[in-house]
Amino acid sequence: MWNSEHRLLTAKEASLYLGISLSTLNRVEKEDLLIPFRTPGGHRRYNRRMLDEYLEQTRFEPQGRRKLEIGALE
């Protein structure tokens, strides 16, 4: 069944989902970090999986924090 999880998002919706501006979304695309689908009219469309993968690939650890290794507190 087709649900909201499979619906393609517009550029504005994608930028809101990612928490970035439209101009940042454009920059991300120019750097080939995201490649949107294009409608016949040339409008950009994104699926949530694509956006989630981008978020996962661009995660970083905040400075001043170190990873807690498993077993370190035992």
PDB file of N, CA and C in Angstrom:
ATOM      1  N   MET A   1       0.841  -1.194   0.000  1.00  0.00           N
ATOM      2  CA  MET A   1       0.000   0.000   0.000  1.00  0.00           C
ATOM      3  C   MET A   1       0.880   1.249   0.000  1.00  0.00           C
ATOM      4  N   TRP A   2       0.470   2.239  -0.694  1.00  0.00           N
ATOM      5  CA  TRP A   2       1.210   3.493  -0.805  1.00  0.00           C
ATOM      6  C   TRP A   2       0.868   4.365   0.393  1.00  0.00           C
ATOM      7  N   ASN A   3       1.843   4.704   1.210  1.00  0.00           N
ATOM      8  CA  ASN A   3       1.566   5.537   2.380  1.00  0.00           C
ATOM      9  C   ASN A   3       2.503   6.728   2.408  1.00  0.00           C
ATOM     10  N   SER A   4       2.397   7.527   3.458  1.00  0.00           N
ATOM     11  CA  SER A   4       3.193   8.755   3.533  1.00  0.00           C
ATOM     12  C   SER A   4       4.691   8.477   3.573  1.00  0.00           C
ATOM     13  N   GLU A   5       5.078   7.271   4.013  1.00  0.00           N
ATOM     14  CA  GLU A   5       6.497   6.925   4.056  1.00  0.00           C
ATOM     15  C   GLU A   5       7.075   6.797   2.647  1.00  0.00           C
ATOM     16  N   HIS A   6       6.256   6.408   1.678  1.00  0.00           N
ATOM     17  CA  HIS A   6       6.712   6.227   0.310  1.00  0.00           C
ATOM     18  C   HIS A   6       6.463   7.443  -0.575  1.00  0.00           C
ATOM     19  N   ARG A   7       5.763   8.424  -0.067  1.00  0.00           N
ATOM     20  CA  ARG A   7       5.463   9.616  -0.844  1.00  0.00           C
ATOM     21  C   ARG A   7       6.742  10.407  -1.110  1.00  0.00           C
ATOM     22  N   LEU A   8       6.869  10.924  -2.310  1.00  0.00           N
ATOM     23  CA  LEU A   8       8.027  11.748  -2.628  1.00  0.00           C
ATOM     24  C   LEU A   8       7.820  13.157  -2.084  1.00  0.00           C
ATOM     25  N   LEU A   9       8.884  13.727  -1.550  1.00  0.00           N
ATOM     26  CA  LEU A   9       8.832  15.054  -0.955  1.00  0.00           C
ATOM     27  C   LEU A   9       9.335  16.100  -1.934  1.00  0.00           C
ATOM     28  N   THR A  10       8.784  17.294  -1.842  1.00  0.00           N
ATOM     29  CA  THR A  10       9.270  18.426  -2.628  1.00  0.00           C
ATOM     30  C   THR A  10      10.587  18.910  -2.015  1.00  0.00           C
ATOM     31  N   ALA A  11      11.252  19.821  -2.703  1.00  0.00           N
ATOM     32  CA  ALA A  11      12.505  20.386  -2.174  1.00  0.00           C
ATOM     33  C   ALA A  11      12.255  21.091  -0.842  1.00  0.00           C
ATOM     34  N   LYS A  12      11.175  21.837  -0.745  1.00  0.00           N
ATOM     35  CA  LYS A  12      10.871  22.534   0.499  1.00  0.00           C
ATOM     36  C   LYS A  12      10.611  21.544   1.624  1.00  0.00           C
ATOM     37  N   GLU A  13       9.837  20.499   1.347  1.00  0.00           N
ATOM     38  CA  GLU A  13       9.565  19.485   2.367  1.00  0.00           C
ATOM     39  C   GLU A  13      10.843  18.757   2.779  1.00  0.00           C
ATOM     40  N   ALA A  14      11.701  18.475   1.798  1.00  0.00           N
ATOM     41  CA  ALA A  14      12.967  17.801   2.091  1.00  0.00           C
ATOM     42  C   ALA A  14      13.864  18.678   2.960  1.00  0.00           C
ATOM     43  N   SER A  15      13.929  19.968   2.674  1.00  0.00           N
ATOM     44  CA  SER A  15      14.768  20.859   3.473  1.00  0.00           C
ATOM     45  C   SER A  15      14.240  20.941   4.909  1.00  0.00           C
ATOM     46  N   LEU A  16      12.925  20.963   5.069  1.00  0.00           N
ATOM     47  CA  LEU A  16      12.341  20.954   6.418  1.00  0.00           C
ATOM     48  C   LEU A  16      12.637  19.644   7.134  1.00  0.00           C
ATOM     49  N   TYR A  17      12.530  18.531   6.438  1.00  0.00           N
ATOM     50  CA  TYR A  17      12.813  17.210   7.006  1.00  0.00           C
ATOM     51  C   TYR A  17      14.261  17.124   7.485  1.00  0.00           C
ATOM     52  N   LEU A  18      15.180  17.694   6.691  1.00  0.00           N
ATOM     53  CA  LEU A  18      16.603  17.653   7.036  1.00  0.00           C
ATOM     54  C   LEU A  18      17.004  18.744   8.031  1.00  0.00           C
ATOM     55  N   GLY A  19      16.150  19.756   8.168  1.00  0.00           N
ATOM     56  CA  GLY A  19      16.479  20.862   9.063  1.00  0.00           C
ATOM     57  C   GLY A  19      17.506  21.810   8.469  1.00  0.00           C
ATOM     58  N   ILE A  20      17.475  21.966   7.155  1.00  0.00           N
ATOM     59  CA  ILE A  20      18.412  22.858   6.466  1.00  0.00           C
ATOM     60  C   ILE A  20      17.616  23.793   5.556  1.00  0.00           C
ATOM     61  N   SER A  21      18.269  24.839   5.082  1.00  0.00           N
ATOM     62  CA  SER A  21      17.606  25.781   4.176  1.00  0.00           C
ATOM     63  C   SER A  21      17.587  25.220   2.754  1.00  0.00           C
ATOM     64  N   LEU A  22      16.750  25.804   1.914  1.00  0.00           N
ATOM     65  CA  LEU A  22      16.718  25.402   0.508  1.00  0.00           C
ATOM     66  C   LEU A  22      18.061  25.642  -0.174  1.00  0.00           C
ATOM     67  N   SER A  23      18.731  26.731   0.174  1.00  0.00           N
ATOM     68  CA  SER A  23      20.031  27.004  -0.452  1.00  0.00           C
ATOM     69  C   SER A  23      21.070  25.965  -0.022  1.00  0.00           C
ATOM     70  N   THR A  24      20.995  25.496   1.213  1.00  0.00           N
ATOM     71  CA  THR A  24      21.906  24.437   1.656  1.00  0.00           C
ATOM     72  C   THR A  24      21.579  23.142   0.932  1.00  0.00           C
ATOM     73  N   LEU A  25      20.293  22.854   0.747  1.00  0.00           N
ATOM     74  CA  LEU A  25      19.891  21.663  -0.005  1.00  0.00           C
ATOM     75  C   LEU A  25      20.445  21.744  -1.430  1.00  0.00           C
ATOM     76  N   ASN A  26      20.387  22.901  -2.051  1.00  0.00           N
ATOM     77  CA  ASN A  26      20.963  23.079  -3.395  1.00  0.00           C
ATOM     78  C   ASN A  26      22.461  22.806  -3.388  1.00  0.00           C
ATOM     79  N   ARG A  27      23.148  23.291  -2.366  1.00  0.00           N
ATOM     80  CA  ARG A  27      24.601  23.078  -2.267  1.00  0.00           C
ATOM     81  C   ARG A  27      24.913  21.592  -2.106  1.00  0.00           C
ATOM     82  N   VAL A  28      24.138  20.922  -1.272  1.00  0.00           N
ATOM     83  CA  VAL A  28      24.318  19.481  -1.061  1.00  0.00           C
ATOM     84  C   VAL A  28      24.154  18.734  -2.385  1.00  0.00           C
ATOM     85  N   GLU A  29      23.181  19.129  -3.184  1.00  0.00           N
ATOM     86  CA  GLU A  29      22.971  18.506  -4.494  1.00  0.00           C
ATOM     87  C   GLU A  29      24.129  18.798  -5.437  1.00  0.00           C
ATOM     88  N   LYS A  30      24.625  20.013  -5.440  1.00  0.00           N
ATOM     89  CA  LYS A  30      25.750  20.365  -6.321  1.00  0.00           C
ATOM     90  C   LYS A  30      27.009  19.587  -5.953  1.00  0.00           C
ATOM     91  N   GLU A  31      27.119  19.203  -4.682  1.00  0.00           N
ATOM     92  CA  GLU A  31      28.253  18.392  -4.225  1.00  0.00           C
ATOM     93  C   GLU A  31      27.998  16.896  -4.443  1.00  0.00           C
ATOM     94  N   ASP A  32      26.880  16.572  -5.108  1.00  0.00           N
ATOM     95  CA  ASP A  32      26.477  15.193  -5.400  1.00  0.00           C
ATOM     96  C   ASP A  32      26.317  14.330  -4.151  1.00  0.00           C
ATOM     97  N   LEU A  33      25.945  14.963  -3.043  1.00  0.00           N
ATOM     98  CA  LEU A  33      25.681  14.217  -1.816  1.00  0.00           C
ATOM     99  C   LEU A  33      24.239  13.724  -1.774  1.00  0.00           C
ATOM    100  N   LEU A  34      23.388  14.355  -2.551  1.00  0.00           N
ATOM    101  CA  LEU A  34      21.995  13.944  -2.744  1.00  0.00           C
ATOM    102  C   LEU A  34      21.668  14.121  -4.213  1.00  0.00           C
ATOM    103  N   ILE A  35      21.046  13.127  -4.803  1.00  0.00           N
ATOM    104  CA  ILE A  35      20.642  13.232  -6.207  1.00  0.00           C
ATOM    105  C   ILE A  35      19.136  12.986  -6.258  1.00  0.00           C
ATOM    106  N   PRO A  36      18.364  14.057  -6.412  1.00  0.00           N
ATOM    107  CA  PRO A  36      16.907  13.921  -6.390  1.00  0.00           C
ATOM    108  C   PRO A  36      16.359  13.311  -7.675  1.00  0.00           C
ATOM    109  N   PHE A  37      15.149  12.799  -7.570  1.00  0.00           N
ATOM    110  CA  PHE A  37      14.398  12.415  -8.759  1.00  0.00           C
ATOM    111  C   PHE A  37      13.921  13.708  -9.408  1.00  0.00           C
ATOM    112  N   ARG A  38      13.672  13.671 -10.699  1.00  0.00           N
ATOM    113  CA  ARG A  38      13.144  14.838 -11.411  1.00  0.00           C
ATOM    114  C   ARG A  38      11.802  14.490 -12.039  1.00  0.00           C
ATOM    115  N   THR A  39      10.858  15.406 -11.892  1.00  0.00           N
ATOM    116  CA  THR A  39       9.568  15.233 -12.553  1.00  0.00           C
ATOM    117  C   THR A  39       9.736  15.593 -14.024  1.00  0.00           C
ATOM    118  N   PRO A  40       8.775  15.249 -14.870  1.00  0.00           N
ATOM    119  CA  PRO A  40       8.869  15.651 -16.275  1.00  0.00           C
ATOM    120  C   PRO A  40       9.022  17.168 -16.436  1.00  0.00           C
ATOM    121  N   GLY A  41       8.512  17.934 -15.480  1.00  0.00           N
ATOM    122  CA  GLY A  41       8.647  19.389 -15.534  1.00  0.00           C
ATOM    123  C   GLY A  41       9.947  19.903 -14.931  1.00  0.00           C
ATOM    124  N   GLY A  42      10.809  18.986 -14.443  1.00  0.00           N
ATOM    125  CA  GLY A  42      12.113  19.370 -13.903  1.00  0.00           C
ATOM    126  C   GLY A  42      12.132  19.649 -12.409  1.00  0.00           C
ATOM    127  N   HIS A  43      11.014  19.441 -11.725  1.00  0.00           N
ATOM    128  CA  HIS A  43      10.978  19.678 -10.282  1.00  0.00           C
ATOM    129  C   HIS A  43      11.663  18.530  -9.547  1.00  0.00           C
ATOM    130  N   ARG A  44      12.319  18.875  -8.447  1.00  0.00           N
ATOM    131  CA  ARG A  44      13.053  17.886  -7.664  1.00  0.00           C
ATOM    132  C   ARG A  44      12.118  17.168  -6.692  1.00  0.00           C
ATOM    133  N   ARG A  45      12.339  15.866  -6.526  1.00  0.00           N
ATOM    134  CA  ARG A  45      11.585  15.068  -5.567  1.00  0.00           C
ATOM    135  C   ARG A  45      12.542  14.142  -4.826  1.00  0.00           C
ATOM    136  N   TYR A  46      12.240  13.898  -3.570  1.00  0.00           N
ATOM    137  CA  TYR A  46      13.102  13.112  -2.689  1.00  0.00           C
ATOM    138  C   TYR A  46      12.255  12.083  -1.952  1.00  0.00           C
ATOM    139  N   ASN A  47      12.820  10.903  -1.702  1.00  0.00           N
ATOM    140  CA  ASN A  47      12.112   9.972  -0.834  1.00  0.00           C
ATOM    141  C   ASN A  47      12.785   9.984   0.539  1.00  0.00           C
ATOM    142  N   ARG A  48      12.053   9.553   1.541  1.00  0.00           N
ATOM    143  CA  ARG A  48      12.574   9.606   2.919  1.00  0.00           C
ATOM    144  C   ARG A  48      13.805   8.734   3.103  1.00  0.00           C
ATOM    145  N   ARG A  49      13.848   7.597   2.435  1.00  0.00           N
ATOM    146  CA  ARG A  49      15.017   6.728   2.575  1.00  0.00           C
ATOM    147  C   ARG A  49      16.281   7.458   2.123  1.00  0.00           C
ATOM    148  N   MET A  50      16.190   8.160   1.002  1.00  0.00           N
ATOM    149  CA  MET A  50      17.318   8.925   0.479  1.00  0.00           C
ATOM    150  C   MET A  50      17.783   9.967   1.505  1.00  0.00           C
ATOM    151  N   LEU A  51      16.825  10.655   2.102  1.00  0.00           N
ATOM    152  CA  LEU A  51      17.150  11.699   3.073  1.00  0.00           C
ATOM    153  C   LEU A  51      17.722  11.100   4.344  1.00  0.00           C
ATOM    154  N   ASP A  52      17.162   9.975   4.790  1.00  0.00           N
ATOM    155  CA  ASP A  52      17.679   9.307   5.986  1.00  0.00           C
ATOM    156  C   ASP A  52      19.100   8.804   5.766  1.00  0.00           C
ATOM    157  N   GLU A  53      19.376   8.274   4.586  1.00  0.00           N
ATOM    158  CA  GLU A  53      20.734   7.817   4.265  1.00  0.00           C
ATOM    159  C   GLU A  53      21.712   8.988   4.276  1.00  0.00           C
ATOM    160  N   TYR A  54      21.282  10.127   3.734  1.00  0.00           N
ATOM    161  CA  TYR A  54      22.134  11.325   3.761  1.00  0.00           C
ATOM    162  C   TYR A  54      22.421  11.732   5.204  1.00  0.00           C
ATOM    163  N   LEU A  55      21.387  11.753   6.030  1.00  0.00           N
ATOM    164  CA  LEU A  55      21.577  12.126   7.436  1.00  0.00           C
ATOM    165  C   LEU A  55      22.541  11.167   8.131  1.00  0.00           C
ATOM    166  N   GLU A  56      22.395   9.897   7.869  1.00  0.00           N
ATOM    167  CA  GLU A  56      23.263   8.895   8.498  1.00  0.00           C
ATOM    168  C   GLU A  56      24.713   9.070   8.053  1.00  0.00           C
ATOM    169  N   GLN A  57      24.916   9.370   6.779  1.00  0.00           N
ATOM    170  CA  GLN A  57      26.276   9.532   6.244  1.00  0.00           C
ATOM    171  C   GLN A  57      26.946  10.810   6.730  1.00  0.00           C
ATOM    172  N   THR A  58      26.160  11.795   7.117  1.00  0.00           N
ATOM    173  CA  THR A  58      26.746  13.083   7.494  1.00  0.00           C
ATOM    174  C   THR A  58      26.759  13.305   9.007  1.00  0.00           C
ATOM    175  N   ARG A  59      26.393  12.271   9.756  1.00  0.00           N
ATOM    176  CA  ARG A  59      26.439  12.406  11.221  1.00  0.00           C
ATOM    177  C   ARG A  59      27.886  12.545  11.680  1.00  0.00           C
ATOM    178  N   PHE A  60      28.083  13.302  12.725  1.00  0.00           N
ATOM    179  CA  PHE A  60      29.420  13.424  13.288  1.00  0.00           C
ATOM    180  C   PHE A  60      29.294  13.548  14.800  1.00  0.00           C
ATOM    181  N   GLU A  61      30.363  13.247  15.459  1.00  0.00           N
ATOM    182  CA  GLU A  61      30.394  13.323  16.909  1.00  0.00           C
ATOM    183  C   GLU A  61      30.720  14.749  17.325  1.00  0.00           C
ATOM    184  N   PRO A  62      29.931  15.353  18.221  1.00  0.00           N
ATOM    185  CA  PRO A  62      30.225  16.715  18.678  1.00  0.00           C
ATOM    186  C   PRO A  62      31.612  16.792  19.318  1.00  0.00           C
ATOM    187  N   GLN A  63      32.295  17.916  19.113  1.00  0.00           N
ATOM    188  CA  GLN A  63      33.618  18.094  19.708  1.00  0.00           C
ATOM    189  C   GLN A  63      33.510  18.089  21.226  1.00  0.00           C
ATOM    190  N   GLY A  64      34.549  17.599  21.862  1.00  0.00           N
ATOM    191  CA  GLY A  64      34.571  17.594  23.312  1.00  0.00           C
ATOM    192  C   GLY A  64      33.923  16.360  23.914  1.00  0.00           C
ATOM    193  N   ARG A  65      33.297  15.552  23.112  1.00  0.00           N
ATOM    194  CA  ARG A  65      32.701  14.314  23.580  1.00  0.00           C
ATOM    195  C   ARG A  65      33.465  13.159  22.983  1.00  0.00           C
ATOM    196  N   ARG A  66      33.584  12.131  23.754  1.00  0.00           N
ATOM    197  CA  ARG A  66      34.212  10.944  23.202  1.00  0.00           C
ATOM    198  C   ARG A  66      33.226   9.798  23.289  1.00  0.00           C
ATOM    199  N   LYS A  67      33.404   8.847  22.403  1.00  0.00           N
ATOM    200  CA  LYS A  67      32.513   7.711  22.399  1.00  0.00           C
ATOM    201  C   LYS A  67      32.746   6.881  23.655  1.00  0.00           C
ATOM    202  N   LEU A  68      31.664   6.417  24.225  1.00  0.00           N
ATOM    203  CA  LEU A  68      31.727   5.543  25.364  1.00  0.00           C
ATOM    204  C   LEU A  68      31.838   4.121  24.838  1.00  0.00           C
ATOM    205  N   GLU A  69      32.948   3.475  25.154  1.00  0.00           N
ATOM    206  CA  GLU A  69      33.146   2.122  24.658  1.00  0.00           C
ATOM    207  C   GLU A  69      32.355   1.158  25.517  1.00  0.00           C
ATOM    208  N   ILE A  70      31.828   0.149  24.869  1.00  0.00           N
ATOM    209  CA  ILE A  70      31.053  -0.860  25.590  1.00  0.00           C
ATOM    210  C   ILE A  70      31.965  -1.550  26.581  1.00  0.00           C
ATOM    211  N   GLY A  71      31.493  -1.681  27.805  1.00  0.00           N
ATOM    212  CA  GLY A  71      32.267  -2.317  28.849  1.00  0.00           C
ATOM    213  C   GLY A  71      33.161  -1.355  29.610  1.00  0.00           C
ATOM    214  N   ALA A  72      33.218  -0.107  29.214  1.00  0.00           N
ATOM    215  CA  ALA A  72      34.108   0.856  29.855  1.00  0.00           C
ATOM    216  C   ALA A  72      33.686   1.156  31.284  1.00  0.00           C
ATOM    217  N   LEU A  73      32.407   1.001  31.576  1.00  0.00           N
ATOM    218  CA  LEU A  73      31.922   1.302  32.922  1.00  0.00           C
ATOM    219  C   LEU A  73      31.831   0.084  33.817  1.00  0.00           C
ATOM    220  N   GLU A  74      32.195  -1.054  33.316  1.00  0.00           N
ATOM    221  CA  GLU A  74      32.099  -2.285  34.124  1.00  0.00           C
ATOM    222  C   GLU A  74      33.242  -2.408  35.080  1.00  0.00           C
TER     223      GLU A  74
END
